[in-house]
Amino acid sequence: MSGSINVGGKRVALDKEGYLRNLNDWNEAVAEALAQQQEIILRPAHWEILDLLREFHQRHELSPATRALVSLVKKKLGPDKGRSIYLMRLFRGSFAKTASRIAGLPKPDNCL
């Protein structure tokens, strides 16, 4: 990952793992740029998860790890979406880390 991304002529600083250094730099354009780095095109299904993550972070001041994210999605969006396979299709690989990165949140605890 690089040390920054350019979004709309503004330089946005990233840490060595690609997470925002300043959470207040996040907006939808930044999310699109972060997703593009992961070769993900954000669709309504992605935004639904990103909004849920940001709401969770606002309440609890942390990013949910994998199991907690699956449980959260299941509780809020139903059992069809609250499954690891669904989230992996959207965000690939370590979906809790990838989704948190795109949502402009810190790396989830317990995620290597």
PDB file of N, CA and C in Angstrom:
ATOM      1  N   MET A   1       0.830  -1.184   0.000  1.00  0.00           N
ATOM      2  CA  MET A   1       0.000   0.000   0.000  1.00  0.00           C
ATOM      3  C   MET A   1       0.875   1.248   0.000  1.00  0.00           C
ATOM      4  N   SER A   2       0.333   2.291  -0.522  1.00  0.00           N
ATOM      5  CA  SER A   2       1.086   3.541  -0.574  1.00  0.00           C
ATOM      6  C   SER A   2       0.847   4.341   0.693  1.00  0.00           C
ATOM      7  N   GLY A   3       1.591   5.431   0.826  1.00  0.00           N
ATOM      8  CA  GLY A   3       1.459   6.301   1.984  1.00  0.00           C
ATOM      9  C   GLY A   3       0.334   7.307   1.854  1.00  0.00           C
ATOM     10  N   SER A   4      -0.254   7.416   0.668  1.00  0.00           N
ATOM     11  CA  SER A   4      -1.375   8.333   0.481  1.00  0.00           C
ATOM     12  C   SER A   4      -2.094   8.011  -0.823  1.00  0.00           C
ATOM     13  N   ILE A   5      -3.297   8.558  -0.928  1.00  0.00           N
ATOM     14  CA  ILE A   5      -4.052   8.492  -2.177  1.00  0.00           C
ATOM     15  C   ILE A   5      -4.479   9.911  -2.517  1.00  0.00           C
ATOM     16  N   ASN A   6      -4.692  10.153  -3.791  1.00  0.00           N
ATOM     17  CA  ASN A   6      -5.142  11.455  -4.250  1.00  0.00           C
ATOM     18  C   ASN A   6      -6.619  11.340  -4.602  1.00  0.00           C
ATOM     19  N   VAL A   7      -7.447  12.124  -3.926  1.00  0.00           N
ATOM     20  CA  VAL A   7      -8.886  12.080  -4.152  1.00  0.00           C
ATOM     21  C   VAL A   7      -9.370  13.505  -4.398  1.00  0.00           C
ATOM     22  N   GLY A   8      -9.801  13.750  -5.612  1.00  0.00           N
ATOM     23  CA  GLY A   8     -10.314  15.076  -5.952  1.00  0.00           C
ATOM     24  C   GLY A   8      -9.294  16.189  -5.737  1.00  0.00           C
ATOM     25  N   GLY A   9      -8.029  15.882  -6.012  1.00  0.00           N
ATOM     26  CA  GLY A   9      -6.977  16.876  -5.858  1.00  0.00           C
ATOM     27  C   GLY A   9      -6.473  17.026  -4.433  1.00  0.00           C
ATOM     28  N   LYS A  10      -7.032  16.258  -3.493  1.00  0.00           N
ATOM     29  CA  LYS A  10      -6.596  16.309  -2.097  1.00  0.00           C
ATOM     30  C   LYS A  10      -5.824  15.040  -1.764  1.00  0.00           C
ATOM     31  N   ARG A  11      -4.713  15.213  -1.092  1.00  0.00           N
ATOM     32  CA  ARG A  11      -3.897  14.079  -0.669  1.00  0.00           C
ATOM     33  C   ARG A  11      -4.440  13.551   0.657  1.00  0.00           C
ATOM     34  N   VAL A  12      -4.719  12.253   0.697  1.00  0.00           N
ATOM     35  CA  VAL A  12      -5.262  11.612   1.895  1.00  0.00           C
ATOM     36  C   VAL A  12      -4.217  10.621   2.397  1.00  0.00           C
ATOM     37  N   ALA A  13      -3.737  10.827   3.621  1.00  0.00           N
ATOM     38  CA  ALA A  13      -2.665  10.001   4.189  1.00  0.00           C
ATOM     39  C   ALA A  13      -3.186   8.641   4.643  1.00  0.00           C
ATOM     40  N   LEU A  14      -2.379   7.604   4.327  1.00  0.00           N
ATOM     41  CA  LEU A  14      -2.682   6.235   4.726  1.00  0.00           C
ATOM     42  C   LEU A  14      -1.538   5.682   5.562  1.00  0.00           C
ATOM     43  N   ASP A  15      -1.849   4.724   6.429  1.00  0.00           N
ATOM     44  CA  ASP A  15      -0.775   4.056   7.154  1.00  0.00           C
ATOM     45  C   ASP A  15      -0.177   2.963   6.262  1.00  0.00           C
ATOM     46  N   LYS A  16       0.780   2.210   6.784  1.00  0.00           N
ATOM     47  CA  LYS A  16       1.474   1.213   5.965  1.00  0.00           C
ATOM     48  C   LYS A  16       0.573   0.076   5.496  1.00  0.00           C
ATOM     49  N   GLU A  17      -0.584  -0.107   6.130  1.00  0.00           N
ATOM     50  CA  GLU A  17      -1.515  -1.158   5.718  1.00  0.00           C
ATOM     51  C   GLU A  17      -2.672  -0.626   4.877  1.00  0.00           C
ATOM     52  N   GLY A  18      -2.657   0.668   4.586  1.00  0.00           N
ATOM     53  CA  GLY A  18      -3.674   1.246   3.727  1.00  0.00           C
ATOM     54  C   GLY A  18      -4.893   1.795   4.437  1.00  0.00           C
ATOM     55  N   TYR A  19      -4.844   1.884   5.756  1.00  0.00           N
ATOM     56  CA  TYR A  19      -5.940   2.476   6.527  1.00  0.00           C
ATOM     57  C   TYR A  19      -5.713   3.979   6.637  1.00  0.00           C
ATOM     58  N   LEU A  20      -6.803   4.738   6.739  1.00  0.00           N
ATOM     59  CA  LEU A  20      -6.682   6.187   6.871  1.00  0.00           C
ATOM     60  C   LEU A  20      -5.936   6.549   8.147  1.00  0.00           C
ATOM     61  N   ARG A  21      -5.038   7.497   8.031  1.00  0.00           N
ATOM     62  CA  ARG A  21      -4.358   8.010   9.226  1.00  0.00           C
ATOM     63  C   ARG A  21      -5.308   8.901  10.024  1.00  0.00           C
ATOM     64  N   ASN A  22      -6.160   9.639   9.319  1.00  0.00           N
ATOM     65  CA  ASN A  22      -7.124  10.527   9.956  1.00  0.00           C
ATOM     66  C   ASN A  22      -8.520  10.084   9.529  1.00  0.00           C
ATOM     67  N   LEU A  23      -9.292   9.548  10.465  1.00  0.00           N
ATOM     68  CA  LEU A  23     -10.623   9.028  10.138  1.00  0.00           C
ATOM     69  C   LEU A  23     -11.545  10.103   9.583  1.00  0.00           C
ATOM     70  N   ASN A  24     -11.266  11.366   9.908  1.00  0.00           N
ATOM     71  CA  ASN A  24     -12.103  12.462   9.414  1.00  0.00           C
ATOM     72  C   ASN A  24     -11.887  12.754   7.932  1.00  0.00           C
ATOM     73  N   ASP A  25     -10.875  12.151   7.326  1.00  0.00           N
ATOM     74  CA  ASP A  25     -10.641  12.330   5.887  1.00  0.00           C
ATOM     75  C   ASP A  25     -11.616  11.528   5.036  1.00  0.00           C
ATOM     76  N   TRP A  26     -12.381  10.631   5.663  1.00  0.00           N
ATOM     77  CA  TRP A  26     -13.248   9.732   4.912  1.00  0.00           C
ATOM     78  C   TRP A  26     -14.462  10.457   4.328  1.00  0.00           C
ATOM     79  N   ASN A  27     -14.784  10.117   3.113  1.00  0.00           N
ATOM     80  CA  ASN A  27     -16.047  10.477   2.470  1.00  0.00           C
ATOM     81  C   ASN A  27     -16.282   9.430   1.382  1.00  0.00           C
ATOM     82  N   GLU A  28     -17.372   9.550   0.656  1.00  0.00           N
ATOM     83  CA  GLU A  28     -17.680   8.523  -0.344  1.00  0.00           C
ATOM     84  C   GLU A  28     -16.631   8.443  -1.449  1.00  0.00           C
ATOM     85  N   ALA A  29     -16.070   9.569  -1.827  1.00  0.00           N
ATOM     86  CA  ALA A  29     -15.028   9.560  -2.865  1.00  0.00           C
ATOM     87  C   ALA A  29     -13.772   8.837  -2.365  1.00  0.00           C
ATOM     88  N   VAL A  30     -13.439   9.049  -1.109  1.00  0.00           N
ATOM     89  CA  VAL A  30     -12.294   8.340  -0.511  1.00  0.00           C
ATOM     90  C   VAL A  30     -12.587   6.838  -0.481  1.00  0.00           C
ATOM     91  N   ALA A  31     -13.809   6.470  -0.104  1.00  0.00           N
ATOM     92  CA  ALA A  31     -14.185   5.053  -0.094  1.00  0.00           C
ATOM     93  C   ALA A  31     -14.031   4.441  -1.482  1.00  0.00           C
ATOM     94  N   GLU A  32     -14.473   5.164  -2.495  1.00  0.00           N
ATOM     95  CA  GLU A  32     -14.347   4.672  -3.877  1.00  0.00           C
ATOM     96  C   GLU A  32     -12.874   4.453  -4.235  1.00  0.00           C
ATOM     97  N   ALA A  33     -12.025   5.387  -3.847  1.00  0.00           N
ATOM     98  CA  ALA A  33     -10.593   5.275  -4.149  1.00  0.00           C
ATOM     99  C   ALA A  33      -9.960   4.102  -3.401  1.00  0.00           C
ATOM    100  N   LEU A  34     -10.331   3.931  -2.137  1.00  0.00           N
ATOM    101  CA  LEU A  34      -9.802   2.808  -1.359  1.00  0.00           C
ATOM    102  C   LEU A  34     -10.286   1.479  -1.927  1.00  0.00           C
ATOM    103  N   ALA A  35     -11.534   1.438  -2.352  1.00  0.00           N
ATOM    104  CA  ALA A  35     -12.074   0.221  -2.960  1.00  0.00           C
ATOM    105  C   ALA A  35     -11.354  -0.088  -4.266  1.00  0.00           C
ATOM    106  N   GLN A  36     -11.091   0.942  -5.049  1.00  0.00           N
ATOM    107  CA  GLN A  36     -10.398   0.755  -6.327  1.00  0.00           C
ATOM    108  C   GLN A  36      -9.029   0.112  -6.107  1.00  0.00           C
ATOM    109  N   GLN A  37      -8.353   0.490  -5.026  1.00  0.00           N
ATOM    110  CA  GLN A  37      -7.068  -0.137  -4.717  1.00  0.00           C
ATOM    111  C   GLN A  37      -7.212  -1.644  -4.513  1.00  0.00           C
ATOM    112  N   GLN A  38      -8.370  -2.069  -4.055  1.00  0.00           N
ATOM    113  CA  GLN A  38      -8.644  -3.485  -3.812  1.00  0.00           C
ATOM    114  C   GLN A  38      -9.320  -4.148  -5.017  1.00  0.00           C
ATOM    115  N   GLU A  39      -9.438  -3.381  -6.113  1.00  0.00           N
ATOM    116  CA  GLU A  39     -10.123  -3.848  -7.325  1.00  0.00           C
ATOM    117  C   GLU A  39     -11.578  -4.221  -7.047  1.00  0.00           C
ATOM    118  N   ILE A  40     -12.228  -3.381  -6.228  1.00  0.00           N
ATOM    119  CA  ILE A  40     -13.636  -3.551  -5.882  1.00  0.00           C
ATOM    120  C   ILE A  40     -14.397  -2.338  -6.396  1.00  0.00           C
ATOM    121  N   ILE A  41     -15.489  -2.592  -7.084  1.00  0.00           N
ATOM    122  CA  ILE A  41     -16.394  -1.525  -7.520  1.00  0.00           C
ATOM    123  C   ILE A  41     -17.548  -1.516  -6.534  1.00  0.00           C
ATOM    124  N   LEU A  42     -17.714  -0.404  -5.830  1.00  0.00           N
ATOM    125  CA  LEU A  42     -18.735  -0.328  -4.798  1.00  0.00           C
ATOM    126  C   LEU A  42     -20.132  -0.247  -5.402  1.00  0.00           C
ATOM    127  N   ARG A  43     -20.964  -1.145  -4.959  1.00  0.00           N
ATOM    128  CA  ARG A  43     -22.364  -1.221  -5.375  1.00  0.00           C
ATOM    129  C   ARG A  43     -23.237  -1.039  -4.124  1.00  0.00           C
ATOM    130  N   PRO A  44     -24.552  -0.943  -4.277  1.00  0.00           N
ATOM    131  CA  PRO A  44     -25.420  -0.757  -3.106  1.00  0.00           C
ATOM    132  C   PRO A  44     -25.197  -1.795  -1.996  1.00  0.00           C
ATOM    133  N   ALA A  45     -24.925  -3.040  -2.348  1.00  0.00           N
ATOM    134  CA  ALA A  45     -24.676  -4.070  -1.334  1.00  0.00           C
ATOM    135  C   ALA A  45     -23.435  -3.746  -0.497  1.00  0.00           C
ATOM    136  N   HIS A  46     -22.411  -3.181  -1.131  1.00  0.00           N
ATOM    137  CA  HIS A  46     -21.203  -2.778  -0.406  1.00  0.00           C
ATOM    138  C   HIS A  46     -21.522  -1.617   0.538  1.00  0.00           C
ATOM    139  N   TRP A  47     -22.227  -0.619   0.016  1.00  0.00           N
ATOM    140  CA  TRP A  47     -22.541   0.566   0.817  1.00  0.00           C
ATOM    141  C   TRP A  47     -23.371   0.206   2.042  1.00  0.00           C
ATOM    142  N   GLU A  48     -24.234  -0.774   1.904  1.00  0.00           N
ATOM    143  CA  GLU A  48     -25.052  -1.230   3.027  1.00  0.00           C
ATOM    144  C   GLU A  48     -24.144  -1.705   4.172  1.00  0.00           C
ATOM    145  N   ILE A  49     -23.115  -2.459   3.838  1.00  0.00           N
ATOM    146  CA  ILE A  49     -22.171  -2.958   4.846  1.00  0.00           C
ATOM    147  C   ILE A  49     -21.301  -1.825   5.368  1.00  0.00           C
ATOM    148  N   LEU A  50     -20.820  -0.960   4.483  1.00  0.00           N
ATOM    149  CA  LEU A  50     -19.970   0.156   4.907  1.00  0.00           C
ATOM    150  C   LEU A  50     -20.721   1.076   5.853  1.00  0.00           C
ATOM    151  N   ASP A  51     -21.975   1.381   5.546  1.00  0.00           N
ATOM    152  CA  ASP A  51     -22.783   2.232   6.432  1.00  0.00           C
ATOM    153  C   ASP A  51     -22.976   1.577   7.792  1.00  0.00           C
ATOM    154  N   LEU A  52     -23.213   0.278   7.794  1.00  0.00           N
ATOM    155  CA  LEU A  52     -23.373  -0.467   9.033  1.00  0.00           C
ATOM    156  C   LEU A  52     -22.096  -0.429   9.870  1.00  0.00           C
ATOM    157  N   LEU A  53     -20.966  -0.613   9.213  1.00  0.00           N
ATOM    158  CA  LEU A  53     -19.667  -0.545   9.900  1.00  0.00           C
ATOM    159  C   LEU A  53     -19.431   0.835  10.513  1.00  0.00           C
ATOM    160  N   ARG A  54     -19.721   1.876   9.756  1.00  0.00           N
ATOM    161  CA  ARG A  54     -19.487   3.233  10.255  1.00  0.00           C
ATOM    162  C   ARG A  54     -20.410   3.554  11.425  1.00  0.00           C
ATOM    163  N   GLU A  55     -21.640   3.084  11.361  1.00  0.00           N
ATOM    164  CA  GLU A  55     -22.582   3.275  12.471  1.00  0.00           C
ATOM    165  C   GLU A  55     -22.086   2.539  13.716  1.00  0.00           C
ATOM    166  N   PHE A  56     -21.621   1.303  13.533  1.00  0.00           N
ATOM    167  CA  PHE A  56     -21.084   0.508  14.639  1.00  0.00           C
ATOM    168  C   PHE A  56     -19.884   1.217  15.263  1.00  0.00           C
ATOM    169  N   HIS A  57     -18.987   1.699  14.428  1.00  0.00           N
ATOM    170  CA  HIS A  57     -17.793   2.384  14.924  1.00  0.00           C
ATOM    171  C   HIS A  57     -18.163   3.657  15.686  1.00  0.00           C
ATOM    172  N   GLN A  58     -19.136   4.373  15.196  1.00  0.00           N
ATOM    173  CA  GLN A  58     -19.556   5.607  15.861  1.00  0.00           C
ATOM    174  C   GLN A  58     -20.084   5.308  17.272  1.00  0.00           C
ATOM    175  N   ARG A  59     -20.790   4.207  17.415  1.00  0.00           N
ATOM    176  CA  ARG A  59     -21.348   3.835  18.722  1.00  0.00           C
ATOM    177  C   ARG A  59     -20.310   3.248  19.674  1.00  0.00           C
ATOM    178  N   HIS A  60     -19.425   2.391  19.146  1.00  0.00           N
ATOM    179  CA  HIS A  60     -18.536   1.595  19.992  1.00  0.00           C
ATOM    180  C   HIS A  60     -17.061   1.981  19.905  1.00  0.00           C
ATOM    181  N   GLU A  61     -16.712   2.864  18.969  1.00  0.00           N
ATOM    182  CA  GLU A  61     -15.327   3.331  18.779  1.00  0.00           C
ATOM    183  C   GLU A  61     -14.353   2.185  18.491  1.00  0.00           C
ATOM    184  N   LEU A  62     -14.836   1.186  17.766  1.00  0.00           N
ATOM    185  CA  LEU A  62     -13.961   0.113  17.299  1.00  0.00           C
ATOM    186  C   LEU A  62     -14.570  -0.494  16.050  1.00  0.00           C
ATOM    187  N   SER A  63     -13.737  -1.210  15.329  1.00  0.00           N
ATOM    188  CA  SER A  63     -14.167  -1.914  14.124  1.00  0.00           C
ATOM    189  C   SER A  63     -14.364  -3.374  14.489  1.00  0.00           C
ATOM    190  N   PRO A  64     -15.505  -3.970  14.100  1.00  0.00           N
ATOM    191  CA  PRO A  64     -15.730  -5.363  14.482  1.00  0.00           C
ATOM    192  C   PRO A  64     -14.814  -6.320  13.714  1.00  0.00           C
ATOM    193  N   ALA A  65     -14.311  -7.321  14.434  1.00  0.00           N
ATOM    194  CA  ALA A  65     -13.527  -8.379  13.803  1.00  0.00           C
ATOM    195  C   ALA A  65     -14.488  -9.282  13.026  1.00  0.00           C
ATOM    196  N   THR A  66     -13.960 -10.289  12.389  1.00  0.00           N
ATOM    197  CA  THR A  66     -14.711 -11.130  11.456  1.00  0.00           C
ATOM    198  C   THR A  66     -16.004 -11.691  12.046  1.00  0.00           C
ATOM    199  N   ARG A  67     -15.922 -12.412  13.127  1.00  0.00           N
ATOM    200  CA  ARG A  67     -17.126 -13.026  13.711  1.00  0.00           C
ATOM    201  C   ARG A  67     -18.133 -11.981  14.150  1.00  0.00           C
ATOM    202  N   ALA A  68     -17.644 -10.926  14.766  1.00  0.00           N
ATOM    203  CA  ALA A  68     -18.546  -9.868  15.221  1.00  0.00           C
ATOM    204  C   ALA A  68     -19.222  -9.180  14.042  1.00  0.00           C
ATOM    205  N   LEU A  69     -18.497  -9.010  12.947  1.00  0.00           N
ATOM    206  CA  LEU A  69     -19.084  -8.393  11.759  1.00  0.00           C
ATOM    207  C   LEU A  69     -20.175  -9.286  11.174  1.00  0.00           C
ATOM    208  N   VAL A  70     -19.922 -10.569  11.080  1.00  0.00           N
ATOM    209  CA  VAL A  70     -20.932 -11.498  10.567  1.00  0.00           C
ATOM    210  C   VAL A  70     -22.188 -11.430  11.448  1.00  0.00           C
ATOM    211  N   SER A  71     -22.001 -11.442  12.751  1.00  0.00           N
ATOM    212  CA  SER A  71     -23.139 -11.365  13.675  1.00  0.00           C
ATOM    213  C   SER A  71     -23.898 -10.054  13.536  1.00  0.00           C
ATOM    214  N   LEU A  72     -23.166  -8.970  13.413  1.00  0.00           N
ATOM    215  CA  LEU A  72     -23.781  -7.655  13.248  1.00  0.00           C
ATOM    216  C   LEU A  72     -24.623  -7.597  11.974  1.00  0.00           C
ATOM    217  N   VAL A  73     -24.060  -8.064  10.878  1.00  0.00           N
ATOM    218  CA  VAL A  73     -24.775  -8.050   9.601  1.00  0.00           C
ATOM    219  C   VAL A  73     -26.008  -8.946   9.684  1.00  0.00           C
ATOM    220  N   LYS A  74     -25.864 -10.100  10.286  1.00  0.00           N
ATOM    221  CA  LYS A  74     -26.997 -11.017  10.428  1.00  0.00           C
ATOM    222  C   LYS A  74     -28.118 -10.359  11.232  1.00  0.00           C
ATOM    223  N   LYS A  75     -27.753  -9.702  12.316  1.00  0.00           N
ATOM    224  CA  LYS A  75     -28.745  -9.053  13.187  1.00  0.00           C
ATOM    225  C   LYS A  75     -29.443  -7.897  12.473  1.00  0.00           C
ATOM    226  N   LYS A  76     -28.672  -7.086  11.753  1.00  0.00           N
ATOM    227  CA  LYS A  76     -29.216  -5.865  11.137  1.00  0.00           C
ATOM    228  C   LYS A  76     -29.793  -6.081   9.739  1.00  0.00           C
ATOM    229  N   LEU A  77     -29.220  -7.010   8.975  1.00  0.00           N
ATOM    230  CA  LEU A  77     -29.620  -7.154   7.568  1.00  0.00           C
ATOM    231  C   LEU A  77     -30.206  -8.519   7.230  1.00  0.00           C
ATOM    232  N   GLY A  78     -30.235  -9.428   8.202  1.00  0.00           N
ATOM    233  CA  GLY A  78     -30.853 -10.723   7.989  1.00  0.00           C
ATOM    234  C   GLY A  78     -29.868 -11.843   7.730  1.00  0.00           C
ATOM    235  N   PRO A  79     -30.354 -13.087   7.843  1.00  0.00           N
ATOM    236  CA  PRO A  79     -29.472 -14.250   7.743  1.00  0.00           C
ATOM    237  C   PRO A  79     -28.860 -14.474   6.359  1.00  0.00           C
ATOM    238  N   ASP A  80     -29.509 -14.022   5.304  1.00  0.00           N
ATOM    239  CA  ASP A  80     -28.937 -14.205   3.970  1.00  0.00           C
ATOM    240  C   ASP A  80     -27.651 -13.397   3.787  1.00  0.00           C
ATOM    241  N   LYS A  81     -27.617 -12.213   4.379  1.00  0.00           N
ATOM    242  CA  LYS A  81     -26.441 -11.354   4.254  1.00  0.00           C
ATOM    243  C   LYS A  81     -25.459 -11.565   5.403  1.00  0.00           C
ATOM    244  N   GLY A  82     -25.941 -12.064   6.524  1.00  0.00           N
ATOM    245  CA  GLY A  82     -25.094 -12.284   7.687  1.00  0.00           C
ATOM    246  C   GLY A  82     -24.396 -13.623   7.636  1.00  0.00           C
ATOM    247  N   ARG A  83     -23.673 -13.828   6.547  1.00  0.00           N
ATOM    248  CA  ARG A  83     -22.912 -15.060   6.336  1.00  0.00           C
ATOM    249  C   ARG A  83     -21.533 -14.696   5.807  1.00  0.00           C
ATOM    250  N   SER A  84     -20.544 -15.442   6.239  1.00  0.00           N
ATOM    251  CA  SER A  84     -19.171 -15.176   5.797  1.00  0.00           C
ATOM    252  C   SER A  84     -19.048 -15.209   4.281  1.00  0.00           C
ATOM    253  N   ILE A  85     -19.695 -16.168   3.646  1.00  0.00           N
ATOM    254  CA  ILE A  85     -19.560 -16.317   2.185  1.00  0.00           C
ATOM    255  C   ILE A  85     -20.090 -15.080   1.459  1.00  0.00           C
ATOM    256  N   TYR A  86     -21.177 -14.513   1.949  1.00  0.00           N
ATOM    257  CA  TYR A  86     -21.739 -13.300   1.348  1.00  0.00           C
ATOM    258  C   TYR A  86     -20.736 -12.143   1.470  1.00  0.00           C
ATOM    259  N   LEU A  87     -20.180 -11.972   2.664  1.00  0.00           N
ATOM    260  CA  LEU A  87     -19.234 -10.875   2.897  1.00  0.00           C
ATOM    261  C   LEU A  87     -17.933 -11.094   2.136  1.00  0.00           C
ATOM    262  N   MET A  88     -17.501 -12.343   1.995  1.00  0.00           N
ATOM    263  CA  MET A  88     -16.289 -12.629   1.213  1.00  0.00           C
ATOM    264  C   MET A  88     -16.488 -12.303  -0.259  1.00  0.00           C
ATOM    265  N   ARG A  89     -17.681 -12.555  -0.771  1.00  0.00           N
ATOM    266  CA  ARG A  89     -17.951 -12.206  -2.169  1.00  0.00           C
ATOM    267  C   ARG A  89     -17.864 -10.703  -2.389  1.00  0.00           C
ATOM    268  N   LEU A  90     -18.318  -9.945  -1.411  1.00  0.00           N
ATOM    269  CA  LEU A  90     -18.288  -8.485  -1.547  1.00  0.00           C
ATOM    270  C   LEU A  90     -16.880  -7.913  -1.365  1.00  0.00           C
ATOM    271  N   PHE A  91     -16.185  -8.376  -0.336  1.00  0.00           N
ATOM    272  CA  PHE A  91     -14.924  -7.733   0.060  1.00  0.00           C
ATOM    273  C   PHE A  91     -13.701  -8.622  -0.048  1.00  0.00           C
ATOM    274  N   ARG A  92     -13.845  -9.852  -0.451  1.00  0.00           N
ATOM    275  CA  ARG A  92     -12.739 -10.788  -0.673  1.00  0.00           C
ATOM    276  C   ARG A  92     -11.897 -11.030   0.581  1.00  0.00           C
ATOM    277  N   GLY A  93     -11.245 -12.152   0.591  1.00  0.00           N
ATOM    278  CA  GLY A  93     -10.257 -12.469   1.620  1.00  0.00           C
ATOM    279  C   GLY A  93     -10.694 -12.145   3.032  1.00  0.00           C
ATOM    280  N   SER A  94      -9.890 -11.378   3.712  1.00  0.00           N
ATOM    281  CA  SER A  94     -10.196 -10.955   5.077  1.00  0.00           C
ATOM    282  C   SER A  94     -11.192  -9.801   5.011  1.00  0.00           C
ATOM    283  N   PHE A  95     -12.460 -10.156   4.865  1.00  0.00           N
ATOM    284  CA  PHE A  95     -13.478  -9.150   4.573  1.00  0.00           C
ATOM    285  C   PHE A  95     -13.652  -8.120   5.678  1.00  0.00           C
ATOM    286  N   ALA A  96     -13.428  -8.474   6.939  1.00  0.00           N
ATOM    287  CA  ALA A  96     -13.554  -7.489   8.020  1.00  0.00           C
ATOM    288  C   ALA A  96     -12.492  -6.398   7.868  1.00  0.00           C
ATOM    289  N   LYS A  97     -11.266  -6.802   7.527  1.00  0.00           N
ATOM    290  CA  LYS A  97     -10.201  -5.820   7.323  1.00  0.00           C
ATOM    291  C   LYS A  97     -10.462  -4.973   6.090  1.00  0.00           C
ATOM    292  N   THR A  98     -10.822  -5.609   4.990  1.00  0.00           N
ATOM    293  CA  THR A  98     -11.038  -4.882   3.741  1.00  0.00           C
ATOM    294  C   THR A  98     -12.202  -3.911   3.871  1.00  0.00           C
ATOM    295  N   ALA A  99     -13.315  -4.369   4.435  1.00  0.00           N
ATOM    296  CA  ALA A  99     -14.483  -3.502   4.588  1.00  0.00           C
ATOM    297  C   ALA A  99     -14.185  -2.340   5.531  1.00  0.00           C
ATOM    298  N   SER A 100     -13.472  -2.605   6.620  1.00  0.00           N
ATOM    299  CA  SER A 100     -13.118  -1.530   7.558  1.00  0.00           C
ATOM    300  C   SER A 100     -12.206  -0.505   6.888  1.00  0.00           C
ATOM    301  N   ARG A 101     -11.258  -0.984   6.096  1.00  0.00           N
ATOM    302  CA  ARG A 101     -10.342  -0.081   5.383  1.00  0.00           C
ATOM    303  C   ARG A 101     -11.139   0.834   4.451  1.00  0.00           C
ATOM    304  N   ILE A 102     -12.041   0.255   3.663  1.00  0.00           N
ATOM    305  CA  ILE A 102     -12.829   1.045   2.715  1.00  0.00           C
ATOM    306  C   ILE A 102     -13.785   1.984   3.444  1.00  0.00           C
ATOM    307  N   ALA A 103     -14.283   1.554   4.611  1.00  0.00           N
ATOM    308  CA  ALA A 103     -15.188   2.384   5.410  1.00  0.00           C
ATOM    309  C   ALA A 103     -14.451   3.504   6.133  1.00  0.00           C
ATOM    310  N   GLY A 104     -13.117   3.531   6.007  1.00  0.00           N
ATOM    311  CA  GLY A 104     -12.325   4.585   6.633  1.00  0.00           C
ATOM    312  C   GLY A 104     -12.119   4.393   8.118  1.00  0.00           C
ATOM    313  N   LEU A 105     -12.203   3.149   8.566  1.00  0.00           N
ATOM    314  CA  LEU A 105     -12.097   2.831   9.994  1.00  0.00           C
ATOM    315  C   LEU A 105     -10.774   2.153  10.299  1.00  0.00           C
ATOM    316  N   PRO A 106     -10.424   2.086  11.582  1.00  0.00           N
ATOM    317  CA  PRO A 106      -9.173   1.401  11.950  1.00  0.00           C
ATOM    318  C   PRO A 106      -9.264  -0.094  11.688  1.00  0.00           C
ATOM    319  N   LYS A 107      -8.109  -0.725  11.632  1.00  0.00           N
ATOM    320  CA  LYS A 107      -8.041  -2.169  11.473  1.00  0.00           C
ATOM    321  C   LYS A 107      -8.750  -2.827  12.668  1.00  0.00           C
ATOM    322  N   PRO A 108      -9.604  -3.828  12.403  1.00  0.00           N
ATOM    323  CA  PRO A 108     -10.292  -4.497  13.500  1.00  0.00           C
ATOM    324  C   PRO A 108      -9.305  -5.206  14.413  1.00  0.00           C
ATOM    325  N   ASP A 109      -9.605  -5.219  15.717  1.00  0.00           N
ATOM    326  CA  ASP A 109      -8.808  -5.993  16.654  1.00  0.00           C
ATOM    327  C   ASP A 109      -8.937  -7.467  16.302  1.00  0.00           C
ATOM    328  N   ASN A 110      -7.954  -8.235  16.629  1.00  0.00           N
ATOM    329  CA  ASN A 110      -7.943  -9.679  16.398  1.00  0.00           C
ATOM    330  C   ASN A 110      -7.882 -10.057  14.932  1.00  0.00           C
ATOM    331  N   CYS A 111      -7.594  -9.125  14.046  1.00  0.00           N
ATOM    332  CA  CYS A 111      -7.401  -9.456  12.632  1.00  0.00           C
ATOM    333  C   CYS A 111      -5.925  -9.325  12.321  1.00  0.00           C
ATOM    334  N   LEU A 112      -5.341 -10.426  11.888  1.00  0.00           N
ATOM    335  CA  LEU A 112      -3.913 -10.427  11.583  1.00  0.00           C
ATOM    336  C   LEU A 112      -3.627  -9.696  10.292  1.00  0.00           C
TER     337      LEU A 112
END
